[in-house]
Amino acid sequence: MDDAIRKAEALVEALGYIRTFRDRLTVIKLGGSAMEEADALRATLQSVVFLETVGLRPVLVHGGGKPIDRAMAASGLVPKKIQGRRYTDDATLRIVVDVLTNDINAGIVRQIRELGGHAVGLHTSTLQALYGEHLLLPNPGAPAIDLGRVGQVTRVDGGLVAGFAQAGVVPVIPSLVYDAAGNWLNVNADTAACAVAAELKAAKLVMLSDTPGILRNPKDPSSLISHLDSAACQRLVTEGVIDGGMLPKVEACFGALKAGVGKVHVIDGRRKYSLLLEIFTESGVGTEIVF
């Protein structure tokens, strides 16, 4: 009976959040072990179906780094990265597009449907959510760095994405854009998710990562920082606490906040039901970032 009461109390705690965020958009970025580990992915997608069922409007954006690396290895191609970004020639791009659309995206859509939800992949000529242009990385004092068939998001079809979400169908968006000539470009999944959240003025942007959130000491999970604002984030950057791969992620998140996104959450996608625990409990389980 005590266990049953605790479950009821959890539902009552969630009630206020359901009322607050009902019919509002939440963008969720899938990546890392949250996609690699089958149990973690299934728990995340169960959480997504729960969100949609109780009236929240989830939107998924995903990358696919490790599956792409494996597919490249099987084809005899060696991944090459510059400043943390994948160099993408024509052969690599063909693999990227195939893995993201026919493998990962289709698999996520299928699992959501198997779990009782509704989902649609937005990556065809008639259902394309992201558009962009060729990206050149700044290189002070030298020519800009060309990453090949790599792009940046310049436009999000917010009406298309929101239309499906408001109808109870979860949009599932791969990190690919169409350029002006109708060709694919590979884009960074973090920045793609931030662009989608910014266009939709989402209530929340949730970044699933391989860490509990932003840690004051990267080697100590107990040093989790549960709440940050822009000033605190800047101090952590200056102190070197936020660096490496977390730095561009945080910078992209602040771009989304400046554009009108309500809150950003960085959580551990490997933790079972971390998405629900972050959204529907007072304490949460990750780092909440506000402007």
Protein backbone atom coordinates (compact mmCIF):
# COMPACT_ATOMS: atom_id res chain seq x y z
CA MET A 1 0.00 0.00 0.00
CA ASP A 2 2.87 2.41 0.81
CA ASP A 3 4.31 1.84 -2.66
CA ALA A 4 0.93 2.52 -4.24
CA ILE A 5 0.59 5.75 -2.24
CA ARG A 6 4.04 6.92 -3.39
CA LYS A 7 3.00 6.31 -6.99
CA ALA A 8 -0.18 8.31 -6.42
CA GLU A 9 1.83 11.13 -4.84
CA ALA A 10 4.10 11.19 -7.89
CA LEU A 11 1.07 11.55 -10.15
CA VAL A 12 -0.27 14.40 -8.01
CA GLU A 13 3.12 16.14 -8.17
CA ALA A 14 3.08 15.78 -11.95
CA LEU A 15 -0.42 17.24 -12.22
CA GLY A 16 0.69 20.85 -11.81
CA TYR A 17 3.34 20.49 -14.49
CA ILE A 18 0.89 18.81 -16.86
CA ARG A 19 -1.50 21.73 -16.45
CA THR A 20 1.29 24.27 -16.96
CA PHE A 21 2.76 22.71 -20.09
CA ARG A 22 -0.33 21.15 -21.67
CA ASP A 23 -0.50 22.01 -25.40
CA ARG A 24 2.96 23.62 -25.27
CA LEU A 25 5.91 22.42 -27.33
CA THR A 26 8.92 20.61 -25.89
CA VAL A 27 11.90 19.96 -28.18
CA ILE A 28 14.00 16.93 -27.22
CA LYS A 29 17.45 16.33 -28.67
CA LEU A 30 18.41 12.65 -28.84
CA GLY A 31 22.05 11.68 -29.06
CA GLY A 32 24.90 9.71 -27.56
CA SER A 33 24.17 6.69 -25.37
CA ALA A 34 20.53 7.74 -25.11
CA MET A 35 20.26 6.35 -28.65
CA GLU A 36 22.97 3.68 -28.51
CA GLU A 37 21.60 1.73 -25.55
CA ALA A 38 18.38 -0.06 -26.50
CA ASP A 39 16.87 0.06 -23.01
CA ALA A 40 17.68 3.75 -22.59
CA LEU A 41 16.17 4.60 -25.96
CA ARG A 42 13.02 2.62 -25.27
CA ALA A 43 12.56 4.33 -21.87
CA THR A 44 13.03 7.72 -23.52
CA LEU A 45 10.50 6.95 -26.23
CA GLN A 46 8.05 5.61 -23.64
CA SER A 47 8.46 8.97 -21.91
CA VAL A 48 7.82 10.79 -25.19
CA VAL A 49 4.60 8.81 -25.70
CA PHE A 50 3.58 9.66 -22.12
CA LEU A 51 4.19 13.37 -22.77
CA GLU A 52 2.04 13.29 -25.89
CA THR A 53 -0.69 11.27 -24.18
CA VAL A 54 -1.11 13.78 -21.31
CA GLY A 55 -1.28 16.70 -23.72
CA LEU A 56 2.28 17.98 -23.98
CA ARG A 57 3.61 18.38 -27.52
CA PRO A 58 7.05 16.73 -27.91
CA VAL A 59 9.28 17.24 -30.95
CA LEU A 60 12.36 15.01 -31.44
CA VAL A 61 15.61 16.03 -33.15
CA HIS A 62 18.37 13.44 -33.50
CA GLY A 63 21.86 12.88 -34.79
CA GLY A 64 23.64 9.57 -35.20
CA GLY A 65 27.38 9.84 -34.67
CA LYS A 66 28.33 6.31 -33.63
CA PRO A 67 26.06 4.45 -36.10
CA ILE A 68 27.46 6.65 -38.87
CA ASP A 69 31.03 5.81 -37.78
CA ARG A 70 30.19 2.09 -37.88
CA ALA A 71 28.60 2.35 -41.32
CA MET A 72 31.63 4.27 -42.59
CA ALA A 73 33.98 1.62 -41.21
CA ALA A 74 31.96 -1.10 -42.93
CA SER A 75 32.42 0.81 -46.19
CA GLY A 76 36.14 1.27 -45.65
CA LEU A 77 35.90 4.99 -44.87
CA VAL A 78 37.79 6.60 -41.98
CA PRO A 79 35.91 9.36 -40.11
CA LYS A 80 37.69 12.70 -40.08
CA LYS A 81 36.83 15.50 -37.66
CA ILE A 82 37.90 19.13 -37.61
CA GLN A 83 37.22 21.20 -34.47
CA GLY A 84 34.88 18.48 -33.28
CA ARG A 85 32.80 18.44 -36.48
CA ARG A 86 32.63 15.62 -39.00
CA TYR A 87 34.29 16.33 -42.35
CA THR A 88 31.72 15.20 -44.90
CA ASP A 89 32.71 14.40 -48.47
CA ASP A 90 30.21 13.02 -51.00
CA ALA A 91 30.78 9.38 -50.03
CA THR A 92 30.40 10.18 -46.34
CA LEU A 93 27.28 12.22 -46.98
CA ARG A 94 25.59 9.29 -48.71
CA ILE A 95 26.21 7.17 -45.62
CA VAL A 96 25.09 9.94 -43.26
CA VAL A 97 21.80 10.42 -45.11
CA ASP A 98 21.13 6.68 -45.31
CA VAL A 99 21.87 6.04 -41.62
CA LEU A 100 19.96 9.08 -40.33
CA THR A 101 16.83 8.61 -42.46
CA ASN A 102 16.50 4.90 -43.24
CA ASP A 103 17.98 3.50 -40.04
CA ILE A 104 17.73 5.84 -37.04
CA ASN A 105 14.76 8.00 -37.98
CA ALA A 106 12.68 5.11 -39.28
CA GLY A 107 13.54 3.08 -36.18
CA ILE A 108 12.47 5.86 -33.80
CA VAL A 109 9.18 6.36 -35.65
CA ARG A 110 8.53 2.62 -35.62
CA GLN A 111 9.22 2.29 -31.89
CA ILE A 112 6.95 5.20 -31.00
CA ARG A 113 4.16 3.57 -32.96
CA GLU A 114 4.81 0.21 -31.31
CA LEU A 115 4.52 1.95 -27.92
CA GLY A 116 1.07 3.27 -28.83
CA GLY A 117 2.04 6.75 -30.00
CA HIS A 118 1.93 8.51 -33.35
CA ALA A 119 5.04 9.81 -35.11
CA VAL A 120 6.26 11.01 -38.49
CA GLY A 121 9.75 11.43 -39.90
CA LEU A 122 10.29 14.88 -41.42
CA HIS A 123 12.97 14.35 -44.05
CA THR A 124 11.36 14.07 -47.47
CA SER A 125 10.90 16.59 -50.26
CA THR A 126 7.26 17.15 -49.24
CA LEU A 127 7.84 16.85 -45.47
CA GLN A 128 11.13 18.65 -44.91
CA ALA A 129 11.58 20.62 -41.71
CA LEU A 130 15.11 21.99 -41.96
CA TYR A 131 16.74 24.12 -44.66
CA GLY A 132 20.26 25.50 -44.69
CA GLU A 133 23.42 26.57 -46.41
CA HIS A 134 27.05 25.51 -46.65
CA LEU A 135 28.99 26.11 -43.42
CA LEU A 136 32.51 27.53 -43.24
CA LEU A 137 34.14 27.54 -39.81
CA PRO A 138 35.82 30.82 -38.79
CA ASN A 139 39.59 30.52 -38.61
CA PRO A 140 41.08 33.81 -37.31
CA GLY A 141 44.16 34.86 -39.24
CA ALA A 142 43.69 32.17 -41.90
CA PRO A 143 41.18 31.10 -44.55
CA ALA A 144 37.85 29.77 -43.25
CA ILE A 145 37.70 26.00 -42.77
CA ASP A 146 35.63 24.05 -45.29
CA LEU A 147 34.06 20.90 -43.82
CA GLY A 148 32.75 19.63 -47.14
CA ARG A 149 29.04 18.79 -47.30
CA VAL A 150 28.35 20.32 -43.89
CA GLY A 151 25.75 23.03 -43.38
CA GLN A 152 24.00 25.24 -40.91
CA VAL A 153 20.28 25.74 -40.39
CA THR A 154 18.92 28.93 -41.95
CA ARG A 155 15.21 28.13 -41.87
CA VAL A 156 12.88 25.84 -39.95
CA ASP A 157 9.41 25.09 -41.29
CA GLY A 158 7.82 25.80 -37.94
CA GLY A 159 4.28 25.50 -39.27
CA LEU A 160 4.93 21.97 -40.52
CA VAL A 161 6.55 20.85 -37.25
CA ALA A 162 4.01 22.51 -34.96
CA GLY A 163 1.09 21.30 -37.09
CA PHE A 164 1.99 17.65 -36.56
CA ALA A 165 2.81 18.18 -32.88
CA GLN A 166 -0.47 19.96 -32.13
CA ALA A 167 -2.32 17.12 -33.88
CA GLY A 168 -0.78 14.59 -31.50
CA VAL A 169 1.81 13.27 -33.95
CA VAL A 170 5.42 13.42 -32.76
CA PRO A 171 7.71 15.00 -35.40
CA VAL A 172 11.04 13.15 -35.64
CA ILE A 173 13.68 15.30 -37.35
CA PRO A 174 17.16 14.13 -38.42
CA SER A 175 20.11 16.53 -38.37
CA LEU A 176 20.07 17.15 -42.12
CA VAL A 177 19.15 20.24 -44.14
CA TYR A 178 18.22 20.91 -47.74
CA ASP A 179 20.24 23.64 -49.42
CA ALA A 180 18.93 26.03 -52.09
CA ALA A 181 19.73 23.49 -54.82
CA GLY A 182 17.75 20.75 -53.06
CA ASN A 183 20.83 18.83 -51.92
CA TRP A 184 21.48 17.40 -48.47
CA LEU A 185 23.93 18.91 -46.00
CA ASN A 186 25.01 17.33 -42.72
CA VAL A 187 24.43 19.54 -39.66
CA ASN A 188 25.30 19.38 -35.98
CA ALA A 189 22.40 17.86 -34.04
CA ASP A 190 22.74 20.18 -31.04
CA THR A 191 22.52 23.32 -33.15
CA ALA A 192 19.69 21.80 -35.20
CA ALA A 193 17.67 21.14 -32.03
CA CYS A 194 18.33 24.67 -30.80
CA ALA A 195 17.21 26.10 -34.14
CA VAL A 196 13.97 24.09 -34.02
CA ALA A 197 13.28 25.13 -30.42
CA ALA A 198 13.99 28.77 -31.24
CA GLU A 199 11.67 28.79 -34.25
CA LEU A 200 8.87 27.15 -32.27
CA LYS A 201 9.41 29.34 -29.17
CA ALA A 202 9.27 26.04 -27.30
CA ALA A 203 8.46 26.00 -23.60
CA LYS A 204 11.39 23.63 -23.07
CA LEU A 205 14.44 22.32 -24.89
CA VAL A 206 15.77 19.10 -23.38
CA MET A 207 19.26 17.96 -24.36
CA LEU A 208 19.85 14.28 -23.61
CA SER A 209 23.55 13.76 -22.91
CA ASP A 210 25.96 11.19 -21.50
CA THR A 211 26.45 13.11 -18.25
CA PRO A 212 24.04 13.95 -15.39
CA GLY A 213 24.06 17.57 -16.55
CA ILE A 214 26.61 20.35 -16.07
CA LEU A 215 29.09 19.33 -13.39
CA ARG A 216 31.34 21.62 -11.39
CA ASN A 217 33.83 18.74 -11.39
CA PRO A 218 33.53 16.57 -14.53
CA LYS A 219 34.81 13.55 -12.59
CA ASP A 220 32.28 13.92 -9.76
CA PRO A 221 28.60 13.27 -10.60
CA SER A 222 27.64 14.63 -7.17
CA SER A 223 28.88 18.09 -8.26
CA LEU A 224 25.85 18.53 -10.51
CA ILE A 225 24.70 22.15 -10.86
CA SER A 226 20.91 22.02 -10.87
CA HIS A 227 20.19 25.62 -11.95
CA LEU A 228 22.10 28.16 -14.05
CA ASP A 229 21.43 31.54 -15.59
CA SER A 230 23.45 33.39 -18.21
CA ALA A 231 25.69 35.18 -15.70
CA ALA A 232 26.49 31.96 -13.84
CA CYS A 233 27.20 30.17 -17.11
CA GLN A 234 29.62 32.86 -18.20
CA ARG A 235 31.48 32.57 -14.89
CA LEU A 236 31.77 28.80 -15.38
CA VAL A 237 33.12 29.32 -18.91
CA THR A 238 35.69 31.82 -17.60
CA GLU A 239 36.67 29.40 -14.84
CA GLY A 240 37.06 26.58 -17.35
CA VAL A 241 34.33 24.48 -15.74
CA ILE A 242 32.33 24.54 -18.99
CA ASP A 243 34.73 23.66 -21.79
CA GLY A 244 35.38 21.10 -24.50
CA GLY A 245 32.29 19.59 -26.09
CA MET A 246 29.97 21.13 -23.49
CA LEU A 247 30.93 24.68 -24.46
CA PRO A 248 29.37 24.79 -27.95
CA LYS A 249 26.34 22.94 -26.58
CA VAL A 250 25.78 25.58 -23.90
CA GLU A 251 26.38 28.41 -26.38
CA ALA A 252 23.76 26.94 -28.72
CA CYS A 253 21.35 26.62 -25.80
CA PHE A 254 21.73 30.30 -24.96
CA GLY A 255 20.99 31.17 -28.56
CA ALA A 256 17.70 29.31 -28.15
CA LEU A 257 16.92 31.06 -24.86
CA LYS A 258 17.58 34.47 -26.40
CA ALA A 259 15.15 33.55 -29.20
CA GLY A 260 12.34 32.91 -26.72
CA VAL A 261 12.68 29.30 -25.52
CA GLY A 262 11.43 29.08 -21.95
CA LYS A 263 14.04 26.80 -20.37
CA VAL A 264 16.81 24.44 -21.42
CA HIS A 265 17.48 21.19 -19.58
CA VAL A 266 20.65 19.10 -19.88
CA ILE A 267 20.02 15.59 -18.53
CA ASP A 268 21.49 12.10 -18.61
CA GLY A 269 19.73 10.18 -21.38
CA ARG A 270 21.11 6.90 -20.02
CA ARG A 271 19.08 7.24 -16.81
CA LYS A 272 15.74 5.48 -17.04
CA TYR A 273 12.83 7.93 -17.37
CA SER A 274 15.14 10.92 -16.80
CA LEU A 275 12.96 12.92 -19.18
CA LEU A 276 9.86 12.47 -17.02
CA LEU A 277 11.79 13.02 -13.79
CA GLU A 278 13.19 16.32 -15.09
CA ILE A 279 9.89 17.68 -16.38
CA PHE A 280 7.44 16.44 -13.75
CA THR A 281 9.30 16.72 -10.44
CA GLU A 282 10.30 19.74 -8.38
CA SER A 283 13.93 18.71 -7.91
CA GLY A 284 14.54 17.38 -11.42
CA VAL A 285 17.57 15.23 -12.26
CA GLY A 286 19.75 17.44 -14.47
CA THR A 287 20.76 21.06 -15.07
CA GLU A 288 18.10 23.67 -15.79
CA ILE A 289 19.35 26.71 -17.73
CA VAL A 290 17.42 29.97 -17.95
CA PHE A 291 18.16 33.33 -19.54
